Amino acid sequence: MTPDILGVMIPLSAIILGISAGIVGIVSKHRQQVQRADLRHRERLAAMDKGVELPPEIEDPVQRPRYLLKGLIWSFSGIGAYLALNALAGSEESMLAAIPFAIGLAYLVYYFVQGRREDAAALEKMKQS
């Protein structure tokens, strides 16, 4: 392969694989939700057939945002990008790594200011149930 064709194929394959991974993720999440609903339905039908009292309807657990994890990932990605760019391109270009680092800091600040309150409220709600 010539370098020109290779230069076009790498970004093209990255885009195609990225979109494919997103589609697979969406489809698998939907399939999992459908299976959970089907199992819940079967359980309730079996309980009604046996004359057993129906169990209370339980809401699906909501996936809480993970601000601490996101903040750490973005911050360390920014630090790693800074070190790599500083070694490869120089100090001026390495300042581009401040963008992911700032995003990570914003997530961490939000977690320490607001996220802990949300975690405590969710924990209290679980204890009451």
N, C-alpha and C. Protein backbone atom coordinates (compact mmCIF):
# COMPACT_ATOMS: atom_id res chain seq x y z
N MET A 1 0.83 -1.18 0.00
CA MET A 1 0.00 0.00 0.00
C MET A 1 0.87 1.24 0.00
N THR A 2 0.42 2.20 -0.73
CA THR A 2 1.15 3.47 -0.75
C THR A 2 0.78 4.29 0.48
N PRO A 3 1.67 5.19 0.87
CA PRO A 3 1.38 6.01 2.05
C PRO A 3 0.13 6.87 1.90
N ASP A 4 -0.20 7.28 0.66
CA ASP A 4 -1.41 8.09 0.46
C ASP A 4 -2.67 7.29 0.78
N ILE A 5 -2.72 6.06 0.31
CA ILE A 5 -3.89 5.22 0.58
C ILE A 5 -3.96 4.87 2.06
N LEU A 6 -2.82 4.57 2.64
CA LEU A 6 -2.78 4.25 4.06
C LEU A 6 -3.21 5.44 4.91
N GLY A 7 -2.84 6.64 4.48
CA GLY A 7 -3.24 7.85 5.20
C GLY A 7 -4.74 8.08 5.16
N VAL A 8 -5.42 7.58 4.15
CA VAL A 8 -6.87 7.71 4.06
C VAL A 8 -7.56 6.55 4.79
N MET A 9 -6.98 5.36 4.72
CA MET A 9 -7.62 4.18 5.29
C MET A 9 -7.64 4.19 6.82
N ILE A 10 -6.61 4.74 7.45
CA ILE A 10 -6.55 4.73 8.92
C ILE A 10 -7.69 5.55 9.52
N PRO A 11 -7.88 6.81 9.14
CA PRO A 11 -9.01 7.55 9.73
C PRO A 11 -10.36 6.97 9.33
N LEU A 12 -10.48 6.48 8.10
CA LEU A 12 -11.73 5.91 7.65
C LEU A 12 -12.10 4.67 8.47
N SER A 13 -11.12 3.79 8.70
CA SER A 13 -11.40 2.60 9.50
C SER A 13 -11.68 2.96 10.95
N ALA A 14 -11.03 3.98 11.48
CA ALA A 14 -11.30 4.42 12.85
C ALA A 14 -12.73 4.94 12.99
N ILE A 15 -13.18 5.69 12.01
CA ILE A 15 -14.55 6.21 12.04
C ILE A 15 -15.55 5.06 11.96
N ILE A 16 -15.33 4.14 11.04
CA ILE A 16 -16.25 3.01 10.87
C ILE A 16 -16.28 2.15 12.13
N LEU A 17 -15.11 1.86 12.72
CA LEU A 17 -15.08 1.05 13.94
C LEU A 17 -15.72 1.79 15.12
N GLY A 18 -15.52 3.09 15.20
CA GLY A 18 -16.13 3.86 16.28
C GLY A 18 -17.64 3.87 16.20
N ILE A 19 -18.17 4.09 15.00
CA ILE A 19 -19.62 4.08 14.82
C ILE A 19 -20.17 2.67 15.08
N SER A 20 -19.46 1.65 14.62
CA SER A 20 -19.91 0.27 14.85
C SER A 20 -19.94 -0.06 16.34
N ALA A 21 -18.94 0.37 17.07
CA ALA A 21 -18.91 0.11 18.51
C ALA A 21 -20.07 0.81 19.20
N GLY A 22 -20.40 2.02 18.78
CA GLY A 22 -21.55 2.72 19.35
C GLY A 22 -22.86 2.01 19.07
N ILE A 23 -23.02 1.53 17.86
CA ILE A 23 -24.24 0.81 17.50
C ILE A 23 -24.36 -0.48 18.30
N VAL A 24 -23.26 -1.21 18.43
CA VAL A 24 -23.28 -2.46 19.20
C VAL A 24 -23.63 -2.17 20.66
N GLY A 25 -23.10 -1.10 21.21
CA GLY A 25 -23.41 -0.74 22.59
C GLY A 25 -24.88 -0.41 22.78
N ILE A 26 -25.44 0.36 21.87
CA ILE A 26 -26.86 0.74 21.97
C ILE A 26 -27.75 -0.49 21.84
N VAL A 27 -27.45 -1.35 20.87
CA VAL A 27 -28.27 -2.54 20.65
C VAL A 27 -28.18 -3.49 21.84
N SER A 28 -26.99 -3.68 22.38
CA SER A 28 -26.86 -4.61 23.51
C SER A 28 -27.55 -4.06 24.76
N LYS A 29 -27.50 -2.75 24.99
CA LYS A 29 -28.19 -2.17 26.13
C LYS A 29 -29.71 -2.34 25.98
N HIS A 30 -30.21 -2.10 24.78
CA HIS A 30 -31.65 -2.27 24.54
C HIS A 30 -32.06 -3.72 24.74
N ARG A 31 -31.26 -4.63 24.24
CA ARG A 31 -31.57 -6.05 24.37
C ARG A 31 -31.60 -6.47 25.85
N GLN A 32 -30.68 -5.94 26.64
CA GLN A 32 -30.64 -6.25 28.06
C GLN A 32 -31.89 -5.72 28.76
N GLN A 33 -32.32 -4.52 28.40
CA GLN A 33 -33.54 -3.96 29.00
C GLN A 33 -34.76 -4.79 28.64
N VAL A 34 -34.85 -5.25 27.40
CA VAL A 34 -35.97 -6.08 26.97
C VAL A 34 -35.96 -7.40 27.72
N GLN A 35 -34.80 -8.01 27.91
CA GLN A 35 -34.71 -9.28 28.64
C GLN A 35 -35.14 -9.10 30.10
N ARG A 36 -34.72 -8.00 30.73
CA ARG A 36 -35.13 -7.75 32.11
C ARG A 36 -36.64 -7.58 32.21
N ALA A 37 -37.23 -6.84 31.28
CA ALA A 37 -38.68 -6.64 31.30
C ALA A 37 -39.40 -7.97 31.08
N ASP A 38 -38.89 -8.81 30.19
CA ASP A 38 -39.50 -10.11 29.93
C ASP A 38 -39.42 -11.01 31.16
N LEU A 39 -38.27 -11.03 31.82
CA LEU A 39 -38.13 -11.85 33.03
C LEU A 39 -39.05 -11.35 34.14
N ARG A 40 -39.16 -10.05 34.29
CA ARG A 40 -40.06 -9.49 35.30
C ARG A 40 -41.51 -9.86 34.99
N HIS A 41 -41.88 -9.82 33.72
CA HIS A 41 -43.23 -10.18 33.29
C HIS A 41 -43.51 -11.66 33.57
N ARG A 42 -42.56 -12.53 33.23
CA ARG A 42 -42.74 -13.96 33.48
C ARG A 42 -42.87 -14.26 34.97
N GLU A 43 -42.07 -13.56 35.78
CA GLU A 43 -42.13 -13.77 37.22
C GLU A 43 -43.51 -13.39 37.76
N ARG A 44 -44.03 -12.29 37.31
CA ARG A 44 -45.34 -11.84 37.78
C ARG A 44 -46.45 -12.78 37.31
N LEU A 45 -46.35 -13.26 36.07
CA LEU A 45 -47.35 -14.22 35.57
C LEU A 45 -47.31 -15.53 36.37
N ALA A 46 -46.11 -16.00 36.68
CA ALA A 46 -45.99 -17.24 37.45
C ALA A 46 -46.56 -17.05 38.85
N ALA A 47 -46.34 -15.90 39.45
CA ALA A 47 -46.88 -15.64 40.78
C ALA A 47 -48.40 -15.59 40.74
N MET A 48 -48.97 -14.99 39.69
CA MET A 48 -50.43 -14.93 39.57
C MET A 48 -51.02 -16.32 39.36
N ASP A 49 -50.35 -17.17 38.56
CA ASP A 49 -50.84 -18.53 38.31
C ASP A 49 -50.86 -19.36 39.59
N LYS A 50 -49.86 -19.17 40.44
CA LYS A 50 -49.78 -19.93 41.68
C LYS A 50 -50.64 -19.34 42.79
N GLY A 51 -51.19 -18.16 42.55
CA GLY A 51 -52.02 -17.51 43.56
C GLY A 51 -51.21 -16.84 44.65
N VAL A 52 -49.95 -16.64 44.41
CA VAL A 52 -49.07 -15.99 45.38
C VAL A 52 -49.24 -14.48 45.25
N GLU A 53 -49.07 -13.81 46.36
CA GLU A 53 -49.15 -12.35 46.33
C GLU A 53 -48.05 -11.81 45.42
N LEU A 54 -48.41 -10.85 44.59
CA LEU A 54 -47.44 -10.29 43.65
C LEU A 54 -46.37 -9.49 44.39
N PRO A 55 -45.14 -9.70 44.00
CA PRO A 55 -44.08 -8.90 44.62
C PRO A 55 -44.22 -7.44 44.19
N PRO A 56 -43.77 -6.52 45.02
CA PRO A 56 -43.89 -5.12 44.64
C PRO A 56 -43.06 -4.82 43.39
N GLU A 57 -43.56 -3.91 42.60
CA GLU A 57 -42.86 -3.53 41.37
C GLU A 57 -41.61 -2.73 41.75
N ILE A 58 -40.49 -3.22 41.32
CA ILE A 58 -39.21 -2.57 41.62
C ILE A 58 -38.77 -1.80 40.39
N GLU A 59 -38.41 -0.56 40.61
CA GLU A 59 -37.92 0.25 39.50
C GLU A 59 -36.54 -0.25 39.10
N ASP A 60 -36.24 -0.12 37.83
CA ASP A 60 -34.90 -0.45 37.38
C ASP A 60 -33.92 0.52 38.02
N PRO A 61 -32.79 0.02 38.50
CA PRO A 61 -31.83 0.94 39.11
C PRO A 61 -31.30 1.90 38.06
N VAL A 62 -31.29 3.15 38.41
CA VAL A 62 -30.79 4.17 37.50
C VAL A 62 -29.28 4.22 37.62
N GLN A 63 -28.62 4.21 36.50
CA GLN A 63 -27.17 4.29 36.50
C GLN A 63 -26.76 5.70 36.88
N ARG A 64 -26.14 5.82 38.05
CA ARG A 64 -25.73 7.14 38.52
C ARG A 64 -24.49 7.59 37.75
N PRO A 65 -24.41 8.88 37.51
CA PRO A 65 -23.19 9.39 36.89
C PRO A 65 -21.99 9.18 37.82
N ARG A 66 -20.88 8.88 37.27
CA ARG A 66 -19.69 8.60 38.06
C ARG A 66 -18.69 9.74 37.85
N TYR A 67 -18.94 10.83 38.54
CA TYR A 67 -18.14 12.04 38.33
C TYR A 67 -16.70 11.87 38.79
N LEU A 68 -16.48 11.14 39.87
CA LEU A 68 -15.11 10.94 40.35
C LEU A 68 -14.30 10.16 39.32
N LEU A 69 -14.88 9.08 38.81
CA LEU A 69 -14.17 8.27 37.81
C LEU A 69 -13.90 9.08 36.55
N LYS A 70 -14.91 9.80 36.07
CA LYS A 70 -14.72 10.61 34.87
C LYS A 70 -13.64 11.67 35.08
N GLY A 71 -13.68 12.30 36.27
CA GLY A 71 -12.69 13.34 36.57
C GLY A 71 -11.28 12.80 36.60
N LEU A 72 -11.10 11.64 37.21
CA LEU A 72 -9.77 11.04 37.26
C LEU A 72 -9.28 10.64 35.87
N ILE A 73 -10.16 10.05 35.07
CA ILE A 73 -9.77 9.63 33.72
C ILE A 73 -9.36 10.84 32.88
N TRP A 74 -10.20 11.89 32.88
CA TRP A 74 -9.88 13.07 32.08
C TRP A 74 -8.60 13.74 32.58
N SER A 75 -8.43 13.86 33.88
CA SER A 75 -7.24 14.53 34.43
C SER A 75 -5.98 13.77 34.07
N PHE A 76 -5.97 12.46 34.29
CA PHE A 76 -4.76 11.69 33.98
C PHE A 76 -4.52 11.59 32.47
N SER A 77 -5.59 11.63 31.68
CA SER A 77 -5.41 11.68 30.22
C SER A 77 -4.73 12.99 29.83
N GLY A 78 -5.14 14.07 30.45
CA GLY A 78 -4.51 15.37 30.18
C GLY A 78 -3.05 15.39 30.58
N ILE A 79 -2.74 14.81 31.74
CA ILE A 79 -1.35 14.75 32.18
C ILE A 79 -0.53 13.89 31.23
N GLY A 80 -1.06 12.74 30.84
CA GLY A 80 -0.35 11.87 29.90
C GLY A 80 -0.15 12.53 28.54
N ALA A 81 -1.17 13.22 28.07
CA ALA A 81 -1.05 13.92 26.78
C ALA A 81 -0.01 15.03 26.88
N TYR A 82 0.02 15.72 28.01
CA TYR A 82 1.02 16.78 28.20
C TYR A 82 2.43 16.21 28.14
N LEU A 83 2.65 15.11 28.86
CA LEU A 83 3.99 14.52 28.88
C LEU A 83 4.39 14.02 27.49
N ALA A 84 3.46 13.39 26.79
CA ALA A 84 3.77 12.87 25.45
C ALA A 84 4.02 14.01 24.46
N LEU A 85 3.16 15.03 24.48
CA LEU A 85 3.34 16.15 23.56
C LEU A 85 4.59 16.95 23.88
N ASN A 86 4.91 17.07 25.15
CA ASN A 86 6.11 17.81 25.53
C ASN A 86 7.35 17.10 25.03
N ALA A 87 7.35 15.77 25.10
CA ALA A 87 8.50 15.01 24.63
C ALA A 87 8.60 14.99 23.11
N LEU A 88 7.45 14.97 22.44
CA LEU A 88 7.46 14.83 20.98
C LEU A 88 7.48 16.17 20.24
N ALA A 89 6.69 17.13 20.70
CA ALA A 89 6.50 18.34 19.90
C ALA A 89 7.06 19.60 20.56
N GLY A 90 7.22 19.62 21.83
CA GLY A 90 7.72 20.81 22.49
C GLY A 90 6.71 21.37 23.47
N SER A 91 7.14 22.41 24.17
CA SER A 91 6.32 22.91 25.28
C SER A 91 5.09 23.69 24.80
N GLU A 92 5.19 24.40 23.67
CA GLU A 92 4.03 25.17 23.21
C GLU A 92 2.87 24.26 22.79
N GLU A 93 3.16 23.21 22.05
CA GLU A 93 2.12 22.30 21.59
C GLU A 93 1.57 21.46 22.73
N SER A 94 2.38 21.22 23.75
CA SER A 94 1.92 20.40 24.86
C SER A 94 0.85 21.10 25.70
N MET A 95 0.69 22.39 25.53
CA MET A 95 -0.34 23.11 26.28
C MET A 95 -1.74 22.73 25.81
N LEU A 96 -1.86 22.08 24.68
CA LEU A 96 -3.17 21.58 24.24
C LEU A 96 -3.73 20.55 25.21
N ALA A 97 -2.85 19.91 25.95
CA ALA A 97 -3.29 18.91 26.92
C ALA A 97 -3.99 19.55 28.11
N ALA A 98 -3.95 20.86 28.21
CA ALA A 98 -4.66 21.54 29.30
C ALA A 98 -6.17 21.38 29.15
N ILE A 99 -6.65 21.14 27.93
CA ILE A 99 -8.09 21.01 27.70
C ILE A 99 -8.65 19.78 28.41
N PRO A 100 -8.13 18.55 28.15
CA PRO A 100 -8.69 17.41 28.89
C PRO A 100 -8.41 17.49 30.39
N PHE A 101 -7.29 18.09 30.77
CA PHE A 101 -7.00 18.24 32.19
C PHE A 101 -8.02 19.15 32.85
N ALA A 102 -8.40 20.24 32.18
CA ALA A 102 -9.40 21.15 32.74
C ALA A 102 -10.77 20.48 32.83
N ILE A 103 -11.11 19.67 31.86
CA ILE A 103 -12.38 18.93 31.91
C ILE A 103 -12.37 17.99 33.12
N GLY A 104 -11.27 17.31 33.33
CA GLY A 104 -11.15 16.43 34.48
C GLY A 104 -11.25 17.17 35.80
N LEU A 105 -10.62 18.33 35.88
CA LEU A 105 -10.72 19.13 37.10
C LEU A 105 -12.16 19.58 37.34
N ALA A 106 -12.86 19.93 36.27
CA ALA A 106 -14.26 20.35 36.43
C ALA A 106 -15.10 19.21 36.98
N TYR A 107 -14.90 17.99 36.48
CA TYR A 107 -15.62 16.83 37.02
C TYR A 107 -15.28 16.60 38.49
N LEU A 108 -14.00 16.72 38.83
CA LEU A 108 -13.59 16.50 40.21
C LEU A 108 -14.16 17.56 41.14
N VAL A 109 -14.15 18.81 40.71
CA VAL A 109 -14.72 19.87 41.54
C VAL A 109 -16.21 19.62 41.74
N TYR A 110 -16.92 19.25 40.68
CA TYR A 110 -18.34 18.98 40.81
C TYR A 110 -18.58 17.81 41.75
N TYR A 111 -17.75 16.78 41.65
CA TYR A 111 -17.92 15.62 42.54
C TYR A 111 -17.76 16.03 43.99
N PHE A 112 -16.70 16.79 44.29
CA PHE A 112 -16.45 17.14 45.68
C PHE A 112 -17.44 18.18 46.21
N VAL A 113 -18.05 18.97 45.33
CA VAL A 113 -19.02 19.96 45.78
C VAL A 113 -20.42 19.37 45.84
N GLN A 114 -20.89 18.75 44.76
CA GLN A 114 -22.27 18.32 44.65
C GLN A 114 -22.44 16.80 44.65
N GLY A 115 -21.52 16.09 44.05
CA GLY A 115 -21.67 14.64 43.88
C GLY A 115 -21.77 13.89 45.18
N ARG A 116 -21.05 14.30 46.19
CA ARG A 116 -21.11 13.62 47.49
C ARG A 116 -22.50 13.76 48.10
N ARG A 117 -23.11 14.91 47.92
CA ARG A 117 -24.47 15.10 48.43
C ARG A 117 -25.44 14.15 47.74
N GLU A 118 -25.29 14.02 46.42
CA GLU A 118 -26.16 13.10 45.68
C GLU A 118 -25.93 11.66 46.10
N ASP A 119 -24.67 11.28 46.34
CA ASP A 119 -24.37 9.93 46.80
C ASP A 119 -24.98 9.68 48.17
N ALA A 120 -24.88 10.65 49.07
CA ALA A 120 -25.45 10.49 50.41
C ALA A 120 -26.97 10.39 50.35
N ALA A 121 -27.60 11.19 49.48
CA ALA A 121 -29.06 11.14 49.34
C ALA A 121 -29.49 9.80 48.76
N ALA A 122 -28.77 9.27 47.78
CA ALA A 122 -29.11 7.97 47.19
C ALA A 122 -28.93 6.86 48.21
N LEU A 123 -27.89 6.95 49.04
CA LEU A 123 -27.65 5.94 50.06
C LEU A 123 -28.76 5.98 51.12
N GLU A 124 -29.19 7.17 51.49
CA GLU A 124 -30.27 7.31 52.46
C GLU A 124 -31.58 6.74 51.90
N LYS A 125 -31.82 6.99 50.62
CA LYS A 125 -33.03 6.47 49.97
C LYS A 125 -33.01 4.95 49.93
N MET A 126 -31.84 4.35 49.70
CA MET A 126 -31.72 2.89 49.67
C MET A 126 -31.96 2.31 51.06
N LYS A 127 -31.49 3.00 52.10
CA LYS A 127 -31.70 2.51 53.47
C LYS A 127 -33.17 2.53 53.86
N GLN A 128 -33.91 3.52 53.35
CA GLN A 128 -35.31 3.64 53.68
C GLN A 128 -36.16 2.57 52.98
N SER A 129 -35.69 2.07 51.86
CA SER A 129 -36.48 1.08 51.09
C SER A 129 -36.50 -0.26 51.72
